[in-house]
């Protein structure tokens, strides 16, 4: 097992709540981290048809069988949507913290079940594919950006040294067959796959649902529904624009990103890292990786990542705005390996409008040298994990 930064937070929260739910995409390591953290717990998967039938037909009997166990890990528990109602009664009766560990990879079912039945009884944590800090602590950081983007961050690809081309192709097929086919909203998997590929080609762009629907040959309502499925499956996320009073002429449309660049490369038909050298999507993949990794870093320390972007109708833009309780921090992202003066254009514009100290800004680029400049702190891509640390340190000093 790879070391995961979420582990100590899981252990701590299990001492405080009767149920711990670990949510995230398939193959992100949820089952592994649960089994390693609670090695003496009984394990049961609701992917197994026999266990699923037992939990569906006799939920009280299903839960009663674990009464004498130190605890139980219930994998893919969203497969029995009625189970949380019975969990509520069980934990209220026995009142034992950390007894139930639940994992789920379909947020649209899990959160609905939790919100209706387990409010106040469950701690929800998210586990995504490996973040940069986790790649570092496990000493598996790829040697270059193009290798990083192409390999992605799913643990199994690194653990078993698998071909990203083969693994992500199979991952997509499995996702379509196991998750998407079960949904009444999706009738034609071929069209849905095309929709998924079109989304990959729009990484880092403002979301234009009308154009996306037209290119795929579906209605806007269907496109909205399919985007919700991809979000709920933890494949994509929408980065919302940040609004501020200093400029009312702001873009109010979200941007589309994938949680993993390896999957994005696969959907774009990229078969090797070398193909990324001059690929049109390299800059967008850089932006995607930085924002997704900042998101993962925060989630893996059981915190909410308040990330946004800023753009006005003149084309002035900040790729990422990090919001904390005390401040806003702008981050500009460039894939180039040589720092150019115009890299700071957006930061300078935003800091002037927002009346912020440029020293608190960040520029993340494709090179490897860190610098302190009057326009902000420059970080090479391998130092991305320093941003949250620096921001939290500044906030503690205030």
Protein backbone atom coordinates (compact mmCIF):
# COMPACT_ATOMS: atom_id res chain seq x y z
CA UNK A 1 0.00 0.00 0.00
CA UNK A 2 1.14 3.53 -0.75
CA UNK A 3 1.19 5.96 2.15
CA UNK A 4 -1.82 8.29 1.99
CA UNK A 5 -2.04 11.66 3.70
CA UNK A 6 -5.69 11.02 4.59
CA UNK A 7 -4.88 8.12 6.96
CA UNK A 8 -4.33 10.07 10.22
CA UNK A 9 -7.50 12.08 9.60
CA UNK A 10 -9.46 8.86 9.16
CA UNK A 11 -8.10 7.52 12.43
CA UNK A 12 -8.92 10.72 14.30
CA UNK A 13 -12.46 11.14 12.99
CA UNK A 14 -13.28 7.48 13.71
CA UNK A 15 -12.82 8.25 17.40
CA UNK A 16 -15.52 10.90 17.20
CA UNK A 17 -18.24 9.53 14.90
CA UNK A 18 -20.01 6.13 14.73
CA UNK A 19 -19.83 6.00 10.92
CA UNK A 20 -17.00 7.04 8.62
CA UNK A 21 -17.72 7.25 4.89
CA UNK A 22 -14.85 7.33 2.40
CA UNK A 23 -16.01 8.58 -0.99
CA UNK A 24 -14.13 8.91 -4.25
CA UNK A 25 -13.71 7.51 -7.76
CA UNK A 26 -13.27 3.82 -8.44
CA UNK A 27 -9.69 2.59 -8.00
CA UNK A 28 -8.61 5.62 -5.96
CA UNK A 29 -7.63 3.37 -3.04
CA UNK A 30 -10.68 3.60 -0.78
CA UNK A 31 -10.90 -0.11 0.02
CA UNK A 32 -7.15 -0.41 0.52
CA UNK A 33 -6.89 2.52 2.92
CA UNK A 34 -9.90 1.22 4.89
CA UNK A 35 -8.46 -2.28 5.21
CA UNK A 36 -5.01 -1.03 6.19
CA UNK A 37 -6.34 1.49 8.71
CA UNK A 38 -8.72 -1.02 10.31
CA UNK A 39 -6.94 -4.32 9.69
CA UNK A 40 -8.98 -6.21 12.32
CA UNK A 41 -12.37 -5.13 10.98
CA UNK A 42 -14.64 -7.51 9.13
CA UNK A 43 -14.91 -6.73 5.42
CA UNK A 44 -17.92 -7.12 3.17
CA UNK A 45 -18.46 -5.84 -0.36
CA UNK A 46 -21.91 -5.01 -1.68
CA UNK A 47 -20.58 -5.56 -5.18
CA UNK A 48 -20.95 -9.24 -4.27
CA UNK A 49 -24.47 -10.27 -5.31
CA UNK A 50 -24.99 -12.58 -2.33
CA UNK A 51 -24.06 -9.89 0.20
CA UNK A 52 -26.13 -7.35 -1.71
CA UNK A 53 -29.19 -9.64 -1.66
CA UNK A 54 -28.75 -10.24 2.08
CA UNK A 55 -28.48 -6.52 2.83
CA UNK A 56 -31.46 -5.72 0.61
CA UNK A 57 -33.83 -8.48 1.74
CA UNK A 58 -32.88 -8.65 5.42
CA UNK A 59 -31.00 -5.44 6.39
CA UNK A 60 -31.47 -5.96 10.13
CA UNK A 61 -30.07 -9.49 9.92
CA UNK A 62 -27.27 -8.27 7.70
CA UNK A 63 -26.14 -5.70 10.30
CA UNK A 64 -26.78 -8.00 13.28
CA UNK A 65 -24.12 -10.47 12.05
CA UNK A 66 -21.41 -7.90 12.80
CA UNK A 67 -22.47 -7.27 16.40
CA UNK A 68 -19.57 -9.24 17.93
CA UNK A 69 -16.97 -7.90 15.50
CA UNK A 70 -14.56 -5.05 16.40
CA UNK A 71 -16.03 -3.20 13.44
CA UNK A 72 -17.03 -3.63 9.82
CA UNK A 73 -16.00 -2.19 6.45
CA UNK A 74 -18.91 -2.10 4.00
CA UNK A 75 -17.57 -1.57 0.48
CA UNK A 76 -19.64 0.12 -2.26
CA UNK A 77 -22.55 0.52 0.13
CA UNK A 78 -24.47 2.70 -2.32
CA UNK A 79 -25.53 -0.53 -4.03
CA UNK A 80 -28.15 -0.92 -1.29
CA UNK A 81 -29.72 2.56 -1.01
CA UNK A 82 -32.08 1.48 1.79
CA UNK A 83 -29.27 0.37 4.12
CA UNK A 84 -28.53 3.79 5.71
CA UNK A 85 -32.00 3.88 7.29
CA UNK A 86 -31.19 0.69 9.19
CA UNK A 87 -27.70 1.90 10.01
CA UNK A 88 -29.29 4.89 11.72
CA UNK A 89 -31.24 2.68 14.10
CA UNK A 90 -28.25 0.43 14.74
CA UNK A 91 -25.79 3.20 15.66
CA UNK A 92 -28.36 4.99 17.83
CA UNK A 93 -28.83 1.76 19.78
CA UNK A 94 -25.20 0.68 20.15
CA UNK A 95 -23.45 4.07 20.15
CA UNK A 96 -19.95 2.85 19.27
CA UNK A 97 -17.69 5.31 17.46
CA UNK A 98 -15.84 4.17 14.37
CA UNK A 99 -17.73 0.89 14.11
CA UNK A 100 -18.96 1.27 10.54
CA UNK A 101 -16.56 2.21 7.75
CA UNK A 102 -18.38 2.80 4.47
CA UNK A 103 -16.88 3.29 1.02
CA UNK A 104 -18.67 4.50 -2.08
CA UNK A 105 -17.86 5.58 -5.62
CA UNK A 106 -21.19 6.96 -6.74
CA UNK A 107 -21.81 10.23 -4.99
CA UNK A 108 -25.28 10.76 -6.47
CA UNK A 109 -26.53 7.72 -4.52
CA UNK A 110 -24.31 7.96 -1.46
CA UNK A 111 -24.97 11.57 -0.55
CA UNK A 112 -28.70 11.21 -1.05
CA UNK A 113 -28.77 8.25 1.31
CA UNK A 114 -26.56 9.96 3.86
CA UNK A 115 -28.43 13.25 3.87
CA UNK A 116 -31.75 11.51 4.45
CA UNK A 117 -30.74 8.99 7.08
CA UNK A 118 -27.34 9.54 8.63
CA UNK A 119 -27.06 13.28 9.20
CA UNK A 120 -25.11 13.94 12.39
CA UNK A 121 -23.96 10.33 12.60
CA UNK A 122 -21.45 10.12 9.76
CA UNK A 123 -18.17 11.81 8.86
CA UNK A 124 -17.62 12.08 5.11
CA UNK A 125 -14.08 12.11 3.74
CA UNK A 126 -12.93 12.12 0.12
CA UNK A 127 -10.11 10.04 -1.31
CA UNK A 128 -8.91 10.83 -4.81
CA UNK A 129 -6.02 9.40 -6.85
CA UNK A 130 -2.54 10.24 -5.56
CA UNK A 131 -1.70 13.89 -5.00
CA UNK A 132 1.78 15.35 -5.52
CA UNK A 133 2.63 15.15 -1.77
CA UNK A 134 1.67 11.46 -1.87
CA UNK A 135 3.74 10.83 -4.99
CA UNK A 136 6.65 12.40 -3.10
CA UNK A 137 6.32 10.49 0.16
CA UNK A 138 6.14 7.25 -1.83
CA UNK A 139 9.09 8.30 -4.02
CA UNK A 140 7.25 7.77 -7.30
CA UNK A 141 7.15 11.28 -8.83
CA UNK A 142 7.53 10.98 -12.63
CA UNK A 143 10.64 12.60 -14.04
CA UNK A 144 8.85 15.11 -16.27
CA UNK A 145 5.56 16.92 -16.64
CA UNK A 146 4.61 15.03 -19.78
CA UNK A 147 5.25 11.72 -17.98
CA UNK A 148 3.20 12.92 -15.02
CA UNK A 149 0.26 13.97 -17.17
CA UNK A 150 0.30 10.78 -19.21
CA UNK A 151 0.71 8.40 -16.26
CA UNK A 152 -1.93 10.17 -14.20
CA UNK A 153 -2.25 9.45 -10.49
CA UNK A 154 -4.25 6.28 -9.95
CA UNK A 155 -2.36 4.09 -7.44
CA UNK A 156 -2.56 0.81 -9.33
CA UNK A 157 -0.78 2.21 -12.40
CA UNK A 158 2.25 2.97 -10.19
CA UNK A 159 1.99 -0.02 -7.88
CA UNK A 160 1.93 -2.60 -10.66
CA UNK A 161 3.86 -0.51 -13.23
CA UNK A 162 1.01 -0.85 -15.72
CA UNK A 163 0.74 0.67 -19.18
CA UNK A 164 -1.33 3.86 -18.80
CA UNK A 165 -2.68 3.40 -22.33
CA UNK A 166 -4.12 -0.04 -21.52
CA UNK A 167 -5.19 0.69 -17.96
CA UNK A 168 -7.13 3.90 -18.67
CA UNK A 169 -8.81 2.34 -21.71
CA UNK A 170 -10.01 -0.55 -19.56
CA UNK A 171 -10.95 1.84 -16.75
CA UNK A 172 -13.21 3.79 -19.12
CA UNK A 173 -14.86 0.64 -20.46
CA UNK A 174 -15.43 -0.67 -16.94
CA UNK A 175 -16.89 2.66 -15.84
CA UNK A 176 -19.29 2.66 -18.80
CA UNK A 177 -20.36 -0.94 -18.28
CA UNK A 178 -20.63 -1.00 -14.48
CA UNK A 179 -21.70 2.49 -13.49
CA UNK A 180 -23.24 4.22 -16.47
CA UNK A 181 -25.20 1.25 -17.83
CA UNK A 182 -27.09 1.00 -14.54
CA UNK A 183 -28.53 4.48 -14.97
CA UNK A 184 -31.84 4.98 -16.72
CA UNK A 185 -30.66 8.37 -18.02
CA UNK A 186 -28.09 6.73 -20.32
CA UNK A 187 -29.43 4.56 -23.12
CA UNK A 188 -26.63 4.64 -25.70
CA UNK A 189 -23.17 4.04 -24.19
CA UNK A 190 -21.47 4.87 -27.48
CA UNK A 191 -22.89 8.38 -27.46
CA UNK A 192 -22.06 8.75 -23.77
CA UNK A 193 -18.44 7.78 -24.45
CA UNK A 194 -18.31 10.38 -27.22
CA UNK A 195 -19.68 12.91 -24.72
CA UNK A 196 -16.93 11.95 -22.26
CA UNK A 197 -14.29 12.43 -24.96
CA UNK A 198 -15.72 15.82 -25.93
CA UNK A 199 -15.48 16.87 -22.28
CA UNK A 200 -11.80 15.87 -22.28
CA UNK A 201 -11.24 18.14 -25.27
CA UNK A 202 -12.74 21.06 -23.33
CA UNK A 203 -10.53 20.86 -20.24
CA UNK A 204 -9.84 24.32 -18.84
CA UNK A 205 -12.46 25.96 -21.05
CA UNK A 206 -15.61 27.78 -20.05
CA UNK A 207 -18.46 25.29 -20.03
CA UNK A 208 -20.69 25.78 -23.07
CA UNK A 209 -23.47 23.23 -22.60
CA UNK A 210 -25.20 24.23 -25.83
CA UNK A 211 -22.09 23.63 -27.96
CA UNK A 212 -21.28 20.41 -26.09
CA UNK A 213 -24.78 19.08 -26.67
CA UNK A 214 -24.77 20.04 -30.35
CA UNK A 215 -21.38 18.41 -30.99
CA UNK A 216 -22.62 15.22 -29.35
CA UNK A 217 -26.06 15.25 -30.98
CA UNK A 218 -28.03 15.32 -27.73
CA UNK A 219 -30.33 17.82 -26.03
CA UNK A 220 -29.07 20.39 -23.54
CA UNK A 221 -31.12 18.72 -20.82
CA UNK A 222 -29.40 15.41 -21.54
CA UNK A 223 -25.98 17.09 -21.55
CA UNK A 224 -26.69 18.62 -18.13
CA UNK A 225 -27.79 15.25 -16.80
CA UNK A 226 -24.68 13.51 -18.12
CA UNK A 227 -22.41 16.18 -16.66
CA UNK A 228 -24.05 15.50 -13.30
CA UNK A 229 -23.29 11.81 -13.70
CA UNK A 230 -19.62 12.52 -14.44
CA UNK A 231 -19.42 14.84 -11.42
CA UNK A 232 -21.11 12.31 -9.16
CA UNK A 233 -18.73 9.60 -10.36
CA UNK A 234 -15.75 11.78 -9.41
CA UNK A 235 -14.43 11.97 -12.95
CA UNK A 236 -14.91 15.71 -13.54
CA UNK A 237 -15.50 18.83 -11.50
CA UNK A 238 -16.63 22.33 -12.37
CA UNK A 239 -14.53 25.25 -11.17
CA UNK A 240 -16.82 28.15 -10.35
CA UNK A 241 -15.94 31.79 -11.09
CA UNK A 242 -15.17 34.10 -8.18
CA UNK A 243 -17.23 37.25 -7.92
CA UNK A 244 -16.03 40.45 -6.31
CA UNK A 245 -17.42 43.94 -6.14
CA UNK A 246 -14.38 45.53 -7.78
CA UNK A 247 -15.64 44.56 -11.23
CA UNK A 248 -19.21 43.69 -12.10
CA UNK A 249 -18.42 42.67 -15.69
CA UNK A 250 -17.29 39.19 -14.80
CA UNK A 251 -17.68 35.86 -16.52
CA UNK A 252 -20.18 33.77 -14.57
CA UNK A 253 -19.77 30.44 -16.39
CA UNK A 254 -17.83 27.59 -14.72
CA UNK A 255 -14.83 25.81 -16.22
CA UNK A 256 -14.58 22.05 -16.73
CA UNK A 257 -11.74 19.91 -15.37
CA UNK A 258 -10.96 16.22 -14.83
CA UNK A 259 -9.64 14.89 -11.53
CA UNK A 260 -6.98 12.88 -13.36
CA UNK A 261 -4.85 13.86 -16.35
CA UNK A 262 -4.04 10.25 -17.23
CA UNK A 263 -7.69 9.59 -17.93
CA UNK A 264 -7.92 12.85 -19.87
CA UNK A 265 -4.95 11.88 -22.04
CA UNK A 266 -6.54 8.50 -22.73
CA UNK A 267 -9.82 10.10 -23.79
CA UNK A 268 -7.89 12.46 -26.08
CA UNK A 269 -6.29 9.48 -27.81
CA UNK A 270 -2.78 10.21 -26.53
CA UNK A 271 -0.79 6.94 -26.58
CA UNK A 272 2.56 8.03 -25.14
CA UNK A 273 4.10 10.76 -23.04
CA UNK A 274 6.22 11.89 -25.99
CA UNK A 275 3.08 12.82 -27.92
CA UNK A 276 2.47 15.55 -25.37
CA UNK A 277 5.62 17.46 -26.35
CA UNK A 278 3.81 19.48 -29.00
CA UNK A 279 0.20 18.52 -28.27
CA UNK A 280 -2.36 21.33 -28.38
CA UNK A 281 -3.75 20.28 -24.99
CA UNK A 282 -0.48 20.44 -23.04
CA UNK A 283 -1.17 23.89 -21.56
CA UNK A 284 -4.73 22.91 -20.63
CA UNK A 285 -3.45 19.70 -19.01
CA UNK A 286 -0.98 21.74 -16.96
CA UNK A 287 -3.78 23.96 -15.71
CA UNK A 288 -5.97 20.92 -15.05
CA UNK A 289 -3.26 19.09 -13.10
CA UNK A 290 -2.41 22.05 -10.87
CA UNK A 291 -6.01 22.84 -9.94
CA UNK A 292 -6.99 19.19 -9.47
CA UNK A 293 -3.94 18.53 -7.30
CA UNK A 294 -4.60 21.57 -5.11
CA UNK A 295 -8.12 20.21 -4.70
CA UNK A 296 -6.86 16.74 -3.77
CA UNK A 297 -4.27 18.06 -1.34
CA UNK A 298 -6.95 19.86 0.66
CA UNK A 299 -9.41 16.98 0.60
CA UNK A 300 -6.74 14.55 1.78
CA UNK A 301 -6.29 16.62 4.93
CA UNK A 302 -10.07 16.59 5.51
CA UNK A 303 -10.54 20.23 4.54
CA UNK A 304 -12.76 21.89 1.97
CA UNK A 305 -10.85 23.31 -1.02
CA UNK A 306 -12.42 26.67 -1.83
CA UNK A 307 -11.01 27.09 -5.33
CA UNK A 308 -12.28 29.44 -8.03
CA UNK A 309 -11.12 31.28 -11.13
CA UNK A 310 -11.52 34.93 -12.11
CA UNK A 311 -12.14 36.36 -15.55
CA UNK A 312 -13.65 39.59 -16.83
CA UNK A 313 -15.23 40.33 -20.19
CA UNK A 314 -11.99 41.91 -21.44
CA UNK A 315 -10.16 38.58 -21.26
CA UNK A 316 -8.20 39.36 -18.08
CA UNK A 317 -8.00 36.16 -16.07
CA UNK A 318 -6.56 34.39 -13.03
CA UNK A 319 -6.41 30.61 -13.41
CA UNK A 320 -7.06 29.86 -9.76
CA UNK A 321 -8.24 31.86 -6.74
CA UNK A 322 -7.72 30.11 -3.40
CA UNK A 323 -10.09 31.35 -0.74
CA UNK A 324 -9.56 30.94 2.98
CA UNK A 325 -11.41 32.55 5.86
CA UNK A 326 -8.84 35.35 5.97
CA UNK A 327 -7.81 36.04 2.39
CA UNK A 328 -7.87 35.39 -1.34
CA UNK A 329 -4.73 34.09 -3.05
CA UNK A 330 -4.33 34.29 -6.85
CA UNK A 331 -2.40 31.61 -8.75
CA UNK A 332 -1.33 31.86 -12.37
CA UNK A 333 -0.43 28.62 -14.18
CA UNK A 334 1.95 28.40 -17.14
CA UNK A 335 3.26 25.26 -18.84
CA UNK A 336 6.40 26.94 -20.20
CA UNK A 337 9.76 26.03 -18.69
CA UNK A 338 11.18 29.54 -19.00
CA UNK A 339 9.74 32.40 -16.98
CA UNK A 340 8.57 35.30 -19.13
CA UNK A 341 7.50 38.79 -18.04
CA UNK A 342 4.01 38.41 -19.50
CA UNK A 343 3.39 35.42 -17.19
CA UNK A 344 2.62 37.99 -14.48
CA UNK A 345 0.16 40.07 -16.50
CA UNK A 346 -2.96 38.53 -15.01
CA UNK A 347 -1.60 38.62 -11.47
CA UNK A 348 -0.65 42.29 -11.77
CA UNK A 349 -4.09 43.16 -13.12
CA UNK A 350 -5.96 41.28 -10.40
CA UNK A 351 -3.80 42.57 -7.53
CA UNK A 352 -4.34 46.15 -8.72
CA UNK A 353 -8.11 45.73 -8.96
CA UNK A 354 -8.39 43.83 -5.68
CA UNK A 355 -5.87 46.06 -3.89
CA UNK A 356 -3.85 43.04 -2.76
CA UNK A 357 -0.17 42.65 -1.95
CA UNK A 358 1.55 41.05 -5.01
CA UNK A 359 3.90 39.24 -2.64
CA UNK A 360 1.01 36.92 -1.72
CA UNK A 361 0.55 35.80 -5.34
CA UNK A 362 1.85 32.59 -6.91
CA UNK A 363 3.04 31.64 -10.36
CA UNK A 364 3.31 27.88 -10.99
CA UNK A 365 5.18 26.99 -14.17
CA UNK A 366 6.65 24.03 -16.03
CA UNK A 367 10.24 24.66 -14.92
CA UNK A 368 12.05 23.65 -11.74
CA UNK A 369 13.38 26.87 -10.21
CA UNK A 370 11.68 28.63 -7.32
CA UNK A 371 12.02 32.40 -7.12
CA UNK A 372 10.76 35.31 -5.05
CA UNK A 373 9.78 38.27 -7.22
CA UNK A 374 8.02 41.56 -6.66
CA UNK A 375 5.03 40.23 -8.63
CA UNK A 376 4.74 37.06 -6.55
CA UNK A 377 6.30 33.75 -5.57
CA UNK A 378 7.40 31.58 -8.49
CA UNK A 379 7.21 27.81 -7.98
CA UNK A 380 8.32 25.03 -10.28
CA UNK A 381 5.76 22.25 -10.77
CA UNK A 382 7.47 19.93 -8.28
CA UNK A 383 6.95 22.53 -5.54
CA UNK A 384 3.18 22.74 -5.95
CA UNK A 385 2.70 21.11 -2.55
CA UNK A 386 4.22 24.18 -0.86
CA UNK A 387 1.33 26.54 -1.68
CA UNK A 388 -1.21 25.38 0.90
CA UNK A 389 1.55 25.23 3.54
CA UNK A 390 2.60 28.82 2.82
CA UNK A 391 -1.00 30.09 2.83
CA UNK A 392 -1.83 28.34 6.11
CA UNK A 393 1.38 29.70 7.65
CA UNK A 394 0.47 33.26 6.64
CA UNK A 395 -3.00 32.89 8.10
CA UNK A 396 -1.62 31.65 11.43
CA UNK A 397 0.59 34.73 11.68
CA UNK A 398 -2.40 37.10 11.38
